[in-house]
C-alpha atoms as a PDB file:
ATOM      1  CA  MET A   1      -3.586  12.872 -34.255  1.00  0.00           C
ATOM      2  CA  ALA A   2      -3.398   9.323 -32.945  1.00  0.00           C
ATOM      3  CA  LEU A   3      -6.491   7.140 -32.827  1.00  0.00           C
ATOM      4  CA  VAL A   4      -8.356   7.516 -29.534  1.00  0.00           C
ATOM      5  CA  THR A   5     -10.306   4.413 -28.606  1.00  0.00           C
ATOM      6  CA  ASP A   6     -10.705   5.293 -24.932  1.00  0.00           C
ATOM      7  CA  LEU A   7     -12.834   8.437 -24.625  1.00  0.00           C
ATOM      8  CA  SER A   8     -12.083   9.036 -20.963  1.00  0.00           C
ATOM      9  CA  PRO A   9     -11.223  12.699 -20.260  1.00  0.00           C
ATOM     10  CA  GLU A  10      -7.676  11.794 -19.204  1.00  0.00           C
ATOM     11  CA  THR A  11      -6.946   9.848 -22.396  1.00  0.00           C
ATOM     12  CA  ILE A  12      -8.426  12.541 -24.641  1.00  0.00           C
ATOM     13  CA  GLU A  13      -6.453  15.302 -22.930  1.00  0.00           C
ATOM     14  CA  GLU A  14      -3.224  13.318 -23.151  1.00  0.00           C
ATOM     15  CA  GLY A  15      -3.699  12.888 -26.901  1.00  0.00           C
ATOM     16  CA  LEU A  16      -4.546  16.549 -27.456  1.00  0.00           C
ATOM     17  CA  ASN A  17      -1.536  17.631 -25.396  1.00  0.00           C
ATOM     18  CA  GLU A  18       0.708  15.584 -27.653  1.00  0.00           C
ATOM     19  CA  VAL A  19      -0.684  17.385 -30.704  1.00  0.00           C
ATOM     20  CA  PHE A  20      -0.439  20.816 -29.057  1.00  0.00           C
ATOM     21  CA  TYR A  21       3.163  20.521 -27.906  1.00  0.00           C
ATOM     22  CA  GLN A  22       4.306  18.972 -31.163  1.00  0.00           C
ATOM     23  CA  ALA A  23       3.119  22.141 -32.922  1.00  0.00           C
ATOM     24  CA  TYR A  24       4.319  24.471 -30.166  1.00  0.00           C
ATOM     25  CA  GLU A  25       7.843  22.988 -30.175  1.00  0.00           C
ATOM     26  CA  GLN A  26       8.138  22.432 -33.926  1.00  0.00           C
ATOM     27  CA  GLU A  27      11.638  22.947 -35.303  1.00  0.00           C
ATOM     28  CA  MET A  28      11.931  26.122 -37.329  1.00  0.00           C
ATOM     29  CA  VAL A  29      14.118  27.219 -40.251  1.00  0.00           C
ATOM     30  CA  PRO A  30      17.943  27.370 -39.908  1.00  0.00           C
ATOM     31  CA  GLY A  31      19.113  30.391 -37.995  1.00  0.00           C
ATOM     32  CA  TYR A  32      15.706  30.935 -36.384  1.00  0.00           C
ATOM     33  CA  ALA A  33      16.181  33.163 -33.337  1.00  0.00           C
ATOM     34  CA  LYS A  34      14.777  31.309 -30.339  1.00  0.00           C
ATOM     35  CA  LEU A  35      13.742  33.216 -27.239  1.00  0.00           C
ATOM     36  CA  GLU A  36      16.287  31.417 -25.096  1.00  0.00           C
ATOM     37  CA  ASP A  37      19.054  32.352 -27.561  1.00  0.00           C
ATOM     38  CA  VAL A  38      18.356  36.082 -27.552  1.00  0.00           C
ATOM     39  CA  PHE A  39      16.838  36.780 -24.124  1.00  0.00           C
ATOM     40  CA  LYS A  40      18.376  36.075 -20.751  1.00  0.00           C
ATOM     41  CA  THR A  41      15.515  34.064 -19.298  1.00  0.00           C
ATOM     42  CA  PHE A  42      14.654  33.702 -15.620  1.00  0.00           C
ATOM     43  CA  GLY A  43      11.880  32.166 -13.579  1.00  0.00           C
ATOM     44  CA  SER A  44       9.743  34.331 -11.321  1.00  0.00           C
ATOM     45  CA  SER A  45       7.568  33.706  -8.272  1.00  0.00           C
ATOM     46  CA  LYS A  46       6.221  37.240  -7.909  1.00  0.00           C
ATOM     47  CA  HIS A  47       3.717  39.555  -9.559  1.00  0.00           C
ATOM     48  CA  SER A  48       6.578  41.516 -11.088  1.00  0.00           C
ATOM     49  CA  GLU A  49      10.363  41.675 -11.125  1.00  0.00           C
ATOM     50  CA  TYR A  50      12.673  44.648 -11.218  1.00  0.00           C
ATOM     51  CA  ASP A  51      16.230  45.279 -12.309  1.00  0.00           C
ATOM     52  CA  LEU A  52      18.578  48.148 -11.513  1.00  0.00           C
ATOM     53  CA  ARG A  53      21.151  49.954 -13.599  1.00  0.00           C
ATOM     54  CA  ILE A  54      23.974  50.585 -11.156  1.00  0.00           C
ATOM     55  CA  ALA A  55      26.666  53.233 -11.305  1.00  0.00           C
ATOM     56  CA  GLY A  56      29.216  50.694 -10.169  1.00  0.00           C
ATOM     57  CA  VAL A  57      32.701  50.716  -8.738  1.00  0.00           C
ATOM     58  CA  GLY A  58      35.028  53.234 -10.384  1.00  0.00           C
ATOM     59  CA  PRO A  59      38.656  52.896 -11.430  1.00  0.00           C
ATOM     60  CA  PHE A  60      41.287  52.105  -8.809  1.00  0.00           C
ATOM     61  CA  VAL A  61      43.135  55.135  -7.430  1.00  0.00           C
ATOM     62  CA  GLU A  62      46.775  55.535  -6.556  1.00  0.00           C
ATOM     63  CA  LYS A  63      47.555  54.919  -2.894  1.00  0.00           C
ATOM     64  CA  GLY A  64      50.268  56.674  -0.958  1.00  0.00           C
ATOM     65  CA  GLU A  65      52.580  54.707   1.309  1.00  0.00           C
ATOM     66  CA  GLN A  66      50.715  55.472   4.546  1.00  0.00           C
ATOM     67  CA  SER A  67      47.381  56.665   3.177  1.00  0.00           C
ATOM     68  CA  ASN A  68      44.071  54.866   3.604  1.00  0.00           C
ATOM     69  CA  ILE A  69      42.647  52.606   0.926  1.00  0.00           C
ATOM     70  CA  ASN A  70      40.042  54.410  -1.150  1.00  0.00           C
ATOM     71  CA  GLU A  71      36.439  53.471  -0.319  1.00  0.00           C
ATOM     72  CA  ASP A  72      34.207  53.441  -3.377  1.00  0.00           C
ATOM     73  CA  TYR A  73      30.438  53.289  -3.644  1.00  0.00           C
ATOM     74  CA  GLU A  74      27.673  52.050  -5.901  1.00  0.00           C
ATOM     75  CA  GLU A  75      24.667  54.173  -6.806  1.00  0.00           C
ATOM     76  CA  GLU A  76      21.291  53.049  -8.086  1.00  0.00           C
ATOM     77  CA  LYS A  77      20.632  54.902 -11.343  1.00  0.00           C
ATOM     78  CA  TYR A  78      17.585  53.507 -13.141  1.00  0.00           C
ATOM     79  CA  LYS A  79      14.978  50.962 -12.115  1.00  0.00           C
ATOM     80  CA  THR A  80      13.204  48.784 -14.699  1.00  0.00           C
ATOM     81  CA  THR A  81      10.052  46.930 -13.657  1.00  0.00           C
ATOM     82  CA  TYR A  82       8.958  43.766 -15.450  1.00  0.00           C
ATOM     83  CA  THR A  83       5.220  43.282 -14.853  1.00  0.00           C
ATOM     84  CA  HIS A  84       4.037  39.866 -15.961  1.00  0.00           C
ATOM     85  CA  THR A  85       1.145  39.676 -18.411  1.00  0.00           C
ATOM     86  CA  GLU A  86      -1.352  36.830 -18.742  1.00  0.00           C
ATOM     87  CA  PHE A  87      -1.966  35.303 -22.170  1.00  0.00           C
ATOM     88  CA  SER A  88      -4.554  32.646 -22.993  1.00  0.00           C
ATOM     89  CA  ASN A  89      -6.678  31.136 -25.721  1.00  0.00           C
ATOM     90  CA  SER A  90      -8.875  28.080 -26.275  1.00  0.00           C
ATOM     91  CA  VAL A  91     -10.662  26.095 -28.968  1.00  0.00           C
ATOM     92  CA  PRO A  92     -13.920  24.117 -28.705  1.00  0.00           C
ATOM     93  CA  VAL A  93     -13.759  20.316 -28.747  1.00  0.00           C
ATOM     94  CA  SER A  94     -16.881  18.320 -29.559  1.00  0.00           C
ATOM     95  CA  TYR A  95     -17.453  14.929 -27.942  1.00  0.00           C
ATOM     96  CA  ALA A  96     -19.351  13.882 -31.072  1.00  0.00           C
ATOM     97  CA  TYR A  97     -16.307  14.650 -33.274  1.00  0.00           C
ATOM     98  CA  LEU A  98     -14.156  12.355 -31.171  1.00  0.00           C
ATOM     99  CA  LYS A  99     -16.796   9.666 -30.920  1.00  0.00           C
ATOM    100  CA  ASP A 100     -17.206   9.733 -34.722  1.00  0.00           C
ATOM    101  CA  GLN A 101     -13.386   9.550 -35.110  1.00  0.00           C
ATOM    102  CA  LEU A 102     -13.135  12.946 -36.810  1.00  0.00           C
ATOM    103  CA  TYR A 103      -9.655  13.265 -35.363  1.00  0.00           C
ATOM    104  CA  SER A 104      -8.197  15.412 -38.136  1.00  0.00           C
ATOM    105  CA  LEU A 105     -10.760  18.169 -37.504  1.00  0.00           C
ATOM    106  CA  VAL A 106      -9.958  18.234 -33.796  1.00  0.00           C
ATOM    107  CA  GLY A 107      -6.228  17.827 -34.391  1.00  0.00           C
ATOM    108  CA  ASP A 108      -6.132  20.765 -36.794  1.00  0.00           C
ATOM    109  CA  LYS A 109      -7.664  23.027 -34.162  1.00  0.00           C
ATOM    110  CA  ILE A 110      -5.166  21.980 -31.521  1.00  0.00           C
ATOM    111  CA  THR A 111      -2.246  22.319 -33.939  1.00  0.00           C
ATOM    112  CA  ARG A 112      -3.292  25.863 -34.765  1.00  0.00           C
ATOM    113  CA  LEU A 113      -3.605  26.655 -31.070  1.00  0.00           C
ATOM    114  CA  GLY A 114      -0.056  25.425 -30.435  1.00  0.00           C
ATOM    115  CA  ILE A 115       1.301  27.503 -33.312  1.00  0.00           C
ATOM    116  CA  ALA A 116      -0.636  30.543 -32.080  1.00  0.00           C
ATOM    117  CA  ALA A 117       0.801  30.157 -28.573  1.00  0.00           C
ATOM    118  CA  ARG A 118       4.380  30.258 -29.815  1.00  0.00           C
ATOM    119  CA  HIS A 119       3.571  33.073 -32.261  1.00  0.00           C
ATOM    120  CA  THR A 120       2.167  35.220 -29.459  1.00  0.00           C
ATOM    121  CA  GLN A 121       5.180  34.638 -27.212  1.00  0.00           C
ATOM    122  CA  TYR A 122       7.649  35.543 -29.944  1.00  0.00           C
ATOM    123  CA  LYS A 123       5.710  38.496 -31.356  1.00  0.00           C
ATOM    124  CA  ASN A 124       5.344  40.016 -27.897  1.00  0.00           C
ATOM    125  CA  ALA A 125       8.965  39.478 -26.814  1.00  0.00           C
ATOM    126  CA  PHE A 126      10.557  40.642 -30.082  1.00  0.00           C
ATOM    127  CA  SER A 127       8.559  43.876 -30.004  1.00  0.00           C
ATOM    128  CA  ILE A 128      11.610  45.172 -28.109  1.00  0.00           C
ATOM    129  CA  PHE A 129      13.549  45.035 -31.371  1.00  0.00           C
ATOM    130  CA  ARG A 130      10.711  46.229 -33.609  1.00  0.00           C
ATOM    131  CA  ASN A 131      10.439  49.360 -31.464  1.00  0.00           C
ATOM    132  CA  ALA A 132      14.131  49.695 -30.623  1.00  0.00           C
ATOM    133  CA  ASN A 133      14.419  53.216 -32.072  1.00  0.00           C
ATOM    134  CA  SER A 134      10.878  54.421 -31.379  1.00  0.00           C
ATOM    135  CA  THR A 135      10.437  57.392 -29.052  1.00  0.00           C
ATOM    136  CA  SER A 136       7.142  55.834 -27.985  1.00  0.00           C
ATOM    137  CA  TYR A 137       9.049  52.977 -26.284  1.00  0.00           C
ATOM    138  CA  VAL A 138      11.678  54.379 -23.948  1.00  0.00           C
ATOM    139  CA  GLY A 139      13.600  52.690 -21.178  1.00  0.00           C
ATOM    140  CA  ALA A 140      14.323  53.704 -17.603  1.00  0.00           C
ATOM    141  CA  ASP A 141      17.012  56.149 -18.779  1.00  0.00           C
ATOM    142  CA  GLY A 142      14.382  58.117 -20.727  1.00  0.00           C
ATOM    143  CA  VAL A 143      15.465  57.196 -24.263  1.00  0.00           C
ATOM    144  CA  GLN A 144      14.826  54.279 -26.594  1.00  0.00           C
ATOM    145  CA  LEU A 145      16.905  51.097 -26.594  1.00  0.00           C
ATOM    146  CA  ILE A 146      18.898  52.123 -29.686  1.00  0.00           C
ATOM    147  CA  ASP A 147      19.732  55.798 -29.335  1.00  0.00           C
ATOM    148  CA  GLY A 148      22.536  58.236 -30.078  1.00  0.00           C
ATOM    149  CA  ALA A 149      22.498  59.856 -26.641  1.00  0.00           C
ATOM    150  CA  HIS A 150      22.104  57.523 -23.653  1.00  0.00           C
ATOM    151  CA  PRO A 151      22.693  59.721 -20.565  1.00  0.00           C
ATOM    152  CA  MET A 152      25.655  58.916 -18.310  1.00  0.00           C
ATOM    153  CA  GLU A 153      26.361  59.905 -14.710  1.00  0.00           C
ATOM    154  CA  ASP A 154      28.951  62.563 -15.587  1.00  0.00           C
ATOM    155  CA  GLY A 155      26.567  64.372 -17.949  1.00  0.00           C
ATOM    156  CA  SER A 156      28.020  62.869 -21.104  1.00  0.00           C
ATOM    157  CA  THR A 157      26.165  60.517 -23.444  1.00  0.00           C
ATOM    158  CA  GLN A 158      26.893  57.284 -25.255  1.00  0.00           C
ATOM    159  CA  SER A 159      25.574  56.078 -28.587  1.00  0.00           C
ATOM    160  CA  ASN A 160      24.679  52.525 -29.567  1.00  0.00           C
ATOM    161  CA  VAL A 161      23.251  53.338 -32.996  1.00  0.00           C
ATOM    162  CA  ILE A 162      24.811  52.787 -36.415  1.00  0.00           C
ATOM    163  CA  SER A 163      23.245  55.095 -38.999  1.00  0.00           C
ATOM    164  CA  GLY A 164      23.504  52.714 -41.912  1.00  0.00           C
ATOM    165  CA  ASP A 165      22.146  49.502 -43.365  1.00  0.00           C
ATOM    166  CA  LEU A 166      23.923  46.194 -42.848  1.00  0.00           C
ATOM    167  CA  SER A 167      27.277  46.058 -44.639  1.00  0.00           C
ATOM    168  CA  LEU A 168      30.738  44.801 -43.768  1.00  0.00           C
ATOM    169  CA  PRO A 169      32.093  48.267 -42.792  1.00  0.00           C
ATOM    170  CA  ASN A 170      28.984  49.004 -40.701  1.00  0.00           C
ATOM    171  CA  LEU A 171      29.177  45.597 -39.036  1.00  0.00           C
ATOM    172  CA  GLU A 172      32.818  46.211 -38.138  1.00  0.00           C
ATOM    173  CA  THR A 173      31.852  49.609 -36.715  1.00  0.00           C
ATOM    174  CA  ALA A 174      29.042  48.044 -34.667  1.00  0.00           C
ATOM    175  CA  ILE A 175      31.404  45.477 -33.183  1.00  0.00           C
ATOM    176  CA  ALA A 176      33.904  48.199 -32.287  1.00  0.00           C
ATOM    177  CA  THR A 177      31.107  50.294 -30.718  1.00  0.00           C
ATOM    178  CA  LEU A 178      29.989  47.304 -28.666  1.00  0.00           C
ATOM    179  CA  MET A 179      33.514  46.679 -27.412  1.00  0.00           C
ATOM    180  CA  GLU A 180      34.033  50.361 -26.473  1.00  0.00           C
ATOM    181  CA  THR A 181      30.867  50.716 -24.386  1.00  0.00           C
ATOM    182  CA  LYS A 182      31.481  52.002 -20.840  1.00  0.00           C
ATOM    183  CA  ASP A 183      29.372  51.994 -17.715  1.00  0.00           C
ATOM    184  CA  ASP A 184      28.383  55.099 -15.736  1.00  0.00           C
ATOM    185  CA  ARG A 185      31.738  55.216 -13.963  1.00  0.00           C
ATOM    186  CA  GLY A 186      33.739  54.970 -17.174  1.00  0.00           C
ATOM    187  CA  ILE A 187      34.606  51.293 -16.765  1.00  0.00           C
ATOM    188  CA  LEU A 188      34.906  49.312 -19.990  1.00  0.00           C
ATOM    189  CA  ILE A 189      32.352  46.467 -19.942  1.00  0.00           C
ATOM    190  CA  PRO A 190      33.744  43.229 -21.436  1.00  0.00           C
ATOM    191  CA  GLN A 191      31.648  42.298 -24.458  1.00  0.00           C
ATOM    192  CA  ASN A 192      32.089  39.584 -27.035  1.00  0.00           C
ATOM    193  CA  PRO A 193      29.704  39.897 -30.002  1.00  0.00           C
ATOM    194  CA  SER A 194      27.581  36.747 -29.845  1.00  0.00           C
ATOM    195  CA  ILE A 195      24.567  37.349 -32.121  1.00  0.00           C
ATOM    196  CA  LEU A 196      23.891  39.264 -35.327  1.00  0.00           C
ATOM    197  CA  LEU A 197      20.080  39.505 -35.412  1.00  0.00           C
ATOM    198  CA  VAL A 198      18.410  40.347 -38.721  1.00  0.00           C
ATOM    199  CA  SER A 199      15.101  39.945 -40.538  1.00  0.00           C
ATOM    200  CA  PRO A 200      14.676  37.023 -42.969  1.00  0.00           C
ATOM    201  CA  ARG A 201      15.112  39.501 -45.855  1.00  0.00           C
ATOM    202  CA  ARG A 202      18.677  40.194 -44.705  1.00  0.00           C
ATOM    203  CA  PHE A 203      19.619  36.717 -43.470  1.00  0.00           C
ATOM    204  CA  ALA A 204      21.466  35.718 -46.662  1.00  0.00           C
ATOM    205  CA  LEU A 205      23.522  38.922 -46.636  1.00  0.00           C
ATOM    206  CA  ALA A 206      24.285  38.599 -42.935  1.00  0.00           C
ATOM    207  CA  THR A 207      25.413  34.979 -43.355  1.00  0.00           C
ATOM    208  CA  LYS A 208      27.804  35.955 -46.144  1.00  0.00           C
ATOM    209  CA  LEU A 209      29.237  38.825 -44.103  1.00  0.00           C
ATOM    210  CA  VAL A 210      29.816  36.731 -40.993  1.00  0.00           C
ATOM    211  CA  GLU A 211      30.635  33.246 -42.223  1.00  0.00           C
ATOM    212  CA  SER A 212      32.630  33.761 -45.441  1.00  0.00           C
ATOM    213  CA  GLU A 213      36.284  32.799 -44.998  1.00  0.00           C
ATOM    214  CA  LEU A 214      37.440  35.521 -47.382  1.00  0.00           C
ATOM    215  CA  SER A 215      36.164  39.062 -47.695  1.00  0.00           C
ATOM    216  CA  PRO A 216      32.661  38.952 -49.239  1.00  0.00           C
ATOM    217  CA  VAL A 217      32.943  42.474 -50.661  1.00  0.00           C
ATOM    218  CA  ASP A 218      35.980  42.224 -52.966  1.00  0.00           C
ATOM    219  CA  ALA A 219      37.916  39.747 -55.108  1.00  0.00           C
ATOM    220  CA  ASN A 220      41.342  40.359 -53.577  1.00  0.00           C
ATOM    221  CA  ASN A 221      41.325  37.229 -51.388  1.00  0.00           C
ATOM    222  CA  ASN A 222      41.597  39.327 -48.229  1.00  0.00           C
ATOM    223  CA  ILE A 223      40.638  37.519 -45.049  1.00  0.00           C
ATOM    224  CA  ASN A 224      37.217  38.181 -43.609  1.00  0.00           C
ATOM    225  CA  TYR A 225      38.029  40.048 -40.395  1.00  0.00           C
ATOM    226  CA  VAL A 226      34.698  39.173 -38.786  1.00  0.00           C
ATOM    227  CA  SER A 227      34.799  35.412 -39.342  1.00  0.00           C
ATOM    228  CA  LYS A 228      38.509  35.257 -38.507  1.00  0.00           C
ATOM    229  CA  VAL A 229      38.463  37.197 -35.240  1.00  0.00           C
ATOM    230  CA  PHE A 230      34.923  36.462 -34.004  1.00  0.00           C
ATOM    231  CA  PRO A 231      34.147  32.837 -34.974  1.00  0.00           C
ATOM    232  CA  GLY A 232      31.555  32.645 -32.183  1.00  0.00           C
ATOM    233  CA  LEU A 233      29.327  35.328 -33.726  1.00  0.00           C
ATOM    234  CA  ARG A 234      26.070  33.622 -34.739  1.00  0.00           C
ATOM    235  CA  VAL A 235      23.708  34.924 -37.404  1.00  0.00           C
ATOM    236  CA  MET A 236      20.054  34.660 -36.383  1.00  0.00           C
ATOM    237  CA  GLN A 237      16.864  35.683 -38.141  1.00  0.00           C
ATOM    238  CA  SER A 238      13.424  36.629 -36.888  1.00  0.00           C
ATOM    239  CA  ALA A 239      10.402  37.638 -38.917  1.00  0.00           C
ATOM    240  CA  TYR A 240       9.133  39.418 -35.803  1.00  0.00           C
ATOM    241  CA  ILE A 241      11.620  42.281 -36.165  1.00  0.00           C
ATOM    242  CA  GLY A 242      10.850  42.912 -39.851  1.00  0.00           C
ATOM    243  CA  ALA A 243       8.170  44.634 -41.901  1.00  0.00           C
ATOM    244  CA  ALA A 244       5.880  41.587 -41.790  1.00  0.00           C
ATOM    245  CA  TYR A 245       5.039  42.468 -38.190  1.00  0.00           C
ATOM    246  CA  GLY A 246       5.343  46.228 -38.182  1.00  0.00           C
ATOM    247  CA  GLY A 247       9.114  46.544 -37.947  1.00  0.00           C
ATOM    248  CA  ASP A 248      11.676  47.217 -40.657  1.00  0.00           C
ATOM    249  CA  ASP A 249      13.454  44.616 -42.783  1.00  0.00           C
ATOM    250  CA  ASP A 250      16.624  46.718 -42.605  1.00  0.00           C
ATOM    251  CA  ASN A 251      16.861  46.696 -38.803  1.00  0.00           C
ATOM    252  CA  TRP A 252      19.913  44.783 -37.573  1.00  0.00           C
ATOM    253  CA  PHE A 253      21.461  44.263 -34.160  1.00  0.00           C
ATOM    254  CA  VAL A 254      24.767  43.075 -32.749  1.00  0.00           C
ATOM    255  CA  ILE A 255      24.237  41.597 -29.289  1.00  0.00           C
ATOM    256  CA  GLY A 256      27.055  40.984 -26.821  1.00  0.00           C
ATOM    257  CA  ASP A 257      27.269  38.291 -24.181  1.00  0.00           C
ATOM    258  CA  ASN A 258      26.807  40.775 -21.297  1.00  0.00           C
ATOM    259  CA  HIS A 259      23.540  42.328 -22.469  1.00  0.00           C
ATOM    260  CA  LYS A 260      20.513  43.189 -20.323  1.00  0.00           C
ATOM    261  CA  ILE A 261      17.683  41.961 -22.570  1.00  0.00           C
ATOM    262  CA  LYS A 262      15.567  39.885 -20.221  1.00  0.00           C
ATOM    263  CA  ARG A 263      12.533  37.634 -20.085  1.00  0.00           C
ATOM    264  CA  PHE A 264      10.814  36.456 -16.892  1.00  0.00           C
ATOM    265  CA  ILE A 265       8.528  33.425 -16.879  1.00  0.00           C
ATOM    266  CA  ARG A 266       5.962  33.583 -14.089  1.00  0.00           C
ATOM    267  CA  GLU A 267       3.990  30.610 -15.365  1.00  0.00           C
ATOM    268  CA  PRO A 268       5.148  28.555 -18.370  1.00  0.00           C
ATOM    269  CA  ILE A 269       2.720  27.398 -21.025  1.00  0.00           C
ATOM    270  CA  MET A 270       0.065  25.106 -19.553  1.00  0.00           C
ATOM    271  CA  THR A 271      -2.908  23.317 -21.088  1.00  0.00           C
ATOM    272  CA  TRP A 272      -6.053  21.651 -19.799  1.00  0.00           C
ATOM    273  CA  MET A 273      -9.456  20.495 -20.935  1.00  0.00           C
ATOM    274  CA  ASP A 274     -12.760  20.669 -19.089  1.00  0.00           C
ATOM    275  CA  ASP A 275     -14.925  17.598 -18.650  1.00  0.00           C
ATOM    276  CA  PHE A 276     -17.547  17.107 -21.388  1.00  0.00           C
ATOM    277  CA  LYS A 277     -20.075  16.147 -18.736  1.00  0.00           C
ATOM    278  CA  GLN A 278     -19.917  19.640 -17.280  1.00  0.00           C
ATOM    279  CA  ASN A 279     -21.463  21.069 -20.471  1.00  0.00           C
ATOM    280  CA  ARG A 280     -25.001  20.269 -21.514  1.00  0.00           C
ATOM    281  CA  ASN A 281     -24.180  20.391 -25.240  1.00  0.00           C
ATOM    282  CA  MET A 282     -21.214  17.958 -24.865  1.00  0.00           C
ATOM    283  CA  VAL A 283     -18.830  20.552 -26.272  1.00  0.00           C
ATOM    284  CA  THR A 284     -15.948  21.650 -24.101  1.00  0.00           C
ATOM    285  CA  ASN A 285     -12.817  23.749 -24.518  1.00  0.00           C
ATOM    286  CA  TYR A 286      -9.147  22.879 -24.774  1.00  0.00           C
ATOM    287  CA  ASN A 287      -7.319  25.755 -23.062  1.00  0.00           C
ATOM    288  CA  ALA A 288      -3.781  27.135 -23.072  1.00  0.00           C
ATOM    289  CA  TYR A 289      -2.319  29.779 -20.770  1.00  0.00           C
ATOM    290  CA  TYR A 290       0.995  31.384 -19.825  1.00  0.00           C
ATOM    291  CA  ARG A 291       2.234  34.416 -17.916  1.00  0.00           C
ATOM    292  CA  GLU A 292       5.491  36.238 -18.551  1.00  0.00           C
ATOM    293  CA  SER A 293       7.236  39.531 -19.259  1.00  0.00           C
ATOM    294  CA  ALA A 294      10.100  40.743 -21.432  1.00  0.00           C
ATOM    295  CA  GLY A 295      12.097  43.941 -21.740  1.00  0.00           C
ATOM    296  CA  TRP A 296      15.502  45.558 -21.355  1.00  0.00           C
ATOM    297  CA  SER A 297      17.222  47.060 -18.337  1.00  0.00           C
ATOM    298  CA  ASP A 298      20.254  48.714 -19.935  1.00  0.00           C
ATOM    299  CA  PHE A 299      21.499  49.606 -23.404  1.00  0.00           C
ATOM    300  CA  VAL A 300      24.934  48.145 -22.645  1.00  0.00           C
ATOM    301  CA  GLY A 301      25.525  45.021 -24.694  1.00  0.00           C
ATOM    302  CA  ILE A 302      23.549  45.842 -27.821  1.00  0.00           C
ATOM    303  CA  VAL A 303      24.186  47.982 -30.907  1.00  0.00           C
ATOM    304  CA  GLY A 304      21.552  48.532 -33.605  1.00  0.00           C
ATOM    305  CA  GLY A 305      21.691  49.759 -37.157  1.00  0.00           C
ATOM    306  CA  ASN A 306      19.434  51.229 -39.831  1.00  0.00           C
ATOM    307  CA  ALA A 307      20.048  53.949 -42.414  1.00  0.00           C
ATOM    308  CA  ASP A 308      17.072  55.906 -41.006  1.00  0.00           C
ATOM    309  CA  TRP A 309      18.313  55.878 -37.395  1.00  0.00           C
ATOM    310  CA  SER A 310      20.386  58.579 -35.765  1.00  0.00           C
END
């Protein structure tokens, strides 16, 4: 923390903000899955937002020479509501500490607060993936995000689950499953695999599977189909989907570019400090606050895998 010679409230707050945001925005390890990389992020000006899964326009139909053009329709299927949640925390700041130039003690508190703010945002948002196959966390269609039987309009079901741990054959199957996903009217949804999301325990394996020029599973100098055909597929890691935070280190996900995993920011992270003179003991609080929501509106655009899933 920089030396503070002017102890006016404005100067102190400016210095503490610098410490807070330096910790909050600290660069992470290579391949670290950032919220803006994984979630489609939007601003919000309301108490909550909602999204609809639509049974969209169906296939074109043949038209006779003098017959009318077919008139199609769209039907609202499932409604997902994103209700924003408030998050906040604070640490005490002593005027005497600053006056006595004990900046490291104050700076350490603010640094920890910045780290805790980012941790809370990521842990909360990535709970979607930790609970992707849990029957306790179902979506608007009545089943979990990764499930073998998502209901469709015609009474059929679709699966977006791979019952196996991460391997080259299972990754190839996941990509094919992603590319074959249809909407409720049977229309193929264009999907390019953009992210392979894994826990840190599987990041090395995932990198070898995706980025090796030659096949990483044999010594025959065969080309690596994944790296050759899908060079835009990025490997990303997050500790928040693994066992360290209640998930499973073997969970893995292939995410397409037309997914419906969303995050709404009602109020971005904000900080402020109360005036010391408003407190009789000359100890005040440095505060941080934000308000947002995260979730998923449709299973289309994501395939998940684990040997224990079905």
